[in-house]
Amino acid sequence: METVQKIALVVTIIGAVNWGLIGLLDFNLVTFLTGDMVALRNLIYILVGITGLINIGILFQHINDGR
C-alpha cells in the first residue's frame, strides 16, 4: 500500500504544480501536453482528483494513528 500512497502523492503534487502554473502564468501544462485529446485530459484530471481523495484518507489515517 505504501507504493500506492507514494504514487498518489506524486500525482497530487503534479496537479498542484499545474494549478500553480495556471494561477501564475495562465499556462495549463495538462492542456499543453494533451493537445486536442479531451478524453485524455479529462482522465488526467480525474486521476488527480482521485489521488487527492486518497491523500485525504492518508492524512486522516495518520491523525487517527496519533502521528
C-alpha atoms as a PDB file:
ATOM      1  CA  MET A   1       0.000   0.000   0.000  1.00  0.00           C
ATOM      2  CA  GLU A   2       2.922   2.324   0.612  1.00  0.00           C
ATOM      3  CA  THR A   3       3.726   2.338  -3.125  1.00  0.00           C
ATOM      4  CA  VAL A   4       0.166   3.379  -3.996  1.00  0.00           C
ATOM      5  CA  GLN A   5       0.375   6.167  -1.419  1.00  0.00           C
ATOM      6  CA  LYS A   6       3.643   7.454  -2.886  1.00  0.00           C
ATOM      7  CA  ILE A   7       2.243   7.384  -6.422  1.00  0.00           C
ATOM      8  CA  ALA A   8      -0.867   9.224  -5.217  1.00  0.00           C
ATOM      9  CA  LEU A   9       1.303  11.851  -3.556  1.00  0.00           C
ATOM     10  CA  VAL A  10       3.389  12.391  -6.713  1.00  0.00           C
ATOM     11  CA  VAL A  11       0.299  12.735  -8.921  1.00  0.00           C
ATOM     12  CA  THR A  12      -1.259  15.171  -6.442  1.00  0.00           C
ATOM     13  CA  ILE A  13       1.922  17.263  -6.410  1.00  0.00           C
ATOM     14  CA  ILE A  14       1.948  17.355 -10.212  1.00  0.00           C
ATOM     15  CA  GLY A  15      -1.678  18.527 -10.108  1.00  0.00           C
ATOM     16  CA  ALA A  16      -0.782  21.231  -7.601  1.00  0.00           C
ATOM     17  CA  VAL A  17       2.109  22.416  -9.766  1.00  0.00           C
ATOM     18  CA  ASN A  18      -0.271  22.589 -12.738  1.00  0.00           C
ATOM     19  CA  TRP A  19      -2.681  24.753 -10.736  1.00  0.00           C
ATOM     20  CA  GLY A  20       0.239  26.966  -9.707  1.00  0.00           C
ATOM     21  CA  LEU A  21       1.205  27.409 -13.350  1.00  0.00           C
ATOM     22  CA  ILE A  22      -2.392  28.264 -14.240  1.00  0.00           C
ATOM     23  CA  GLY A  23      -2.576  30.859 -11.468  1.00  0.00           C
ATOM     24  CA  LEU A  24       0.831  32.430 -12.021  1.00  0.00           C
ATOM     25  CA  LEU A  25       1.338  32.203 -15.765  1.00  0.00           C
ATOM     26  CA  ASP A  26      -2.094  31.297 -17.182  1.00  0.00           C
ATOM     27  CA  PHE A  27      -0.397  28.164 -18.576  1.00  0.00           C
ATOM     28  CA  ASN A  28      -2.134  24.788 -18.303  1.00  0.00           C
ATOM     29  CA  LEU A  29       0.515  22.065 -18.549  1.00  0.00           C
ATOM     30  CA  VAL A  30      -2.073  19.295 -18.945  1.00  0.00           C
ATOM     31  CA  THR A  31      -3.701  21.028 -21.902  1.00  0.00           C
ATOM     32  CA  PHE A  32      -0.266  21.727 -23.389  1.00  0.00           C
ATOM     33  CA  LEU A  33       0.752  18.059 -23.115  1.00  0.00           C
ATOM     34  CA  THR A  34      -2.534  16.554 -24.281  1.00  0.00           C
ATOM     35  CA  GLY A  35      -3.404  18.999 -27.053  1.00  0.00           C
ATOM     36  CA  ASP A  36      -6.800  18.196 -28.587  1.00  0.00           C
ATOM     37  CA  MET A  37      -7.167  14.865 -26.756  1.00  0.00           C
ATOM     38  CA  VAL A  38     -10.024  15.911 -24.470  1.00  0.00           C
ATOM     39  CA  ALA A  39     -10.677  12.380 -23.196  1.00  0.00           C
ATOM     40  CA  LEU A  40      -7.041  12.010 -22.083  1.00  0.00           C
ATOM     41  CA  ARG A  41      -7.120  15.448 -20.471  1.00  0.00           C
ATOM     42  CA  ASN A  42     -10.279  14.542 -18.553  1.00  0.00           C
ATOM     43  CA  LEU A  43      -8.731  11.225 -17.485  1.00  0.00           C
ATOM     44  CA  ILE A  44      -5.718  13.064 -16.080  1.00  0.00           C
ATOM     45  CA  TYR A  45      -7.960  15.452 -14.138  1.00  0.00           C
ATOM     46  CA  ILE A  46      -9.985  12.516 -12.800  1.00  0.00           C
ATOM     47  CA  LEU A  47      -6.806  10.720 -11.688  1.00  0.00           C
ATOM     48  CA  VAL A  48      -5.539  13.853  -9.926  1.00  0.00           C
ATOM     49  CA  GLY A  49      -8.891  14.157  -8.139  1.00  0.00           C
ATOM     50  CA  ILE A  50      -8.841  10.507  -7.068  1.00  0.00           C
ATOM     51  CA  THR A  51      -5.274  10.804  -5.770  1.00  0.00           C
ATOM     52  CA  GLY A  52      -6.298  13.896  -3.816  1.00  0.00           C
ATOM     53  CA  LEU A  53      -9.013  11.865  -2.123  1.00  0.00           C
ATOM     54  CA  ILE A  54      -6.507   9.091  -1.398  1.00  0.00           C
ATOM     55  CA  ASN A  55      -4.224  11.654   0.238  1.00  0.00           C
ATOM     56  CA  ILE A  56      -7.080  12.954   2.384  1.00  0.00           C
ATOM     57  CA  GLY A  57      -7.617   9.377   3.580  1.00  0.00           C
ATOM     58  CA  ILE A  58      -3.910   9.035   4.345  1.00  0.00           C
ATOM     59  CA  LEU A  59      -3.970  12.303   6.311  1.00  0.00           C
ATOM     60  CA  PHE A  60      -6.864  11.169   8.481  1.00  0.00           C
ATOM     61  CA  GLN A  61      -5.273   7.759   8.934  1.00  0.00           C
ATOM     62  CA  HIS A  62      -2.136   9.406  10.311  1.00  0.00           C
ATOM     63  CA  ILE A  63      -4.201  11.689  12.553  1.00  0.00           C
ATOM     64  CA  ASN A  64      -6.105   8.710  13.965  1.00  0.00           C
ATOM     65  CA  ASP A  65      -2.852   6.793  14.484  1.00  0.00           C
ATOM     66  CA  GLY A  66      -1.520   9.674  16.589  1.00  0.00           C
ATOM     67  CA  ARG A  67       1.413  10.503  14.321  1.00  0.00           C
END
